[in-house]
Amino acid sequence: MYDNFCKYLIETYPDDFAAWLLGKVTPLTKLEPTELISAPIRADSLLLQGEDVVLHVEFQTKPDPKIPRRMADYFLRLLNKFPEHEIKQVVIYLRRTNSPLVQ
């Protein structure tokens, strides 16, 4: 009930919502379609530890500045698929590096 009404309000008064939520008047462009479809991705390894922990492991041969965003994407997808499990993630770099991207 509220969902449809709120969608109507934000579609009717987008500039007002942006000013309220962002704290400044901002010209907006509506993005269409509003449905967010995710491209399929495949994790290198998913393991179930005991009954309540999903361990996600990714292997990398070199530092990748996109890996934090990819891991966040994996995390949210895993959380949606296994909401009752704790999610733990590890990136294993297969080559030595001095890159600040790798800890």
Foldseek 3Di string as FASTA:
>chain_A
DVVVVVVVVCVVCVQVVCCVVVVHRDDDDDDPPPDDDDDDDDFPDWDDDDPAEIETEHEAQDDDPCVVVVVVVVVVVVCVVRVRHHYHYDYHHPDDDPDPSPD
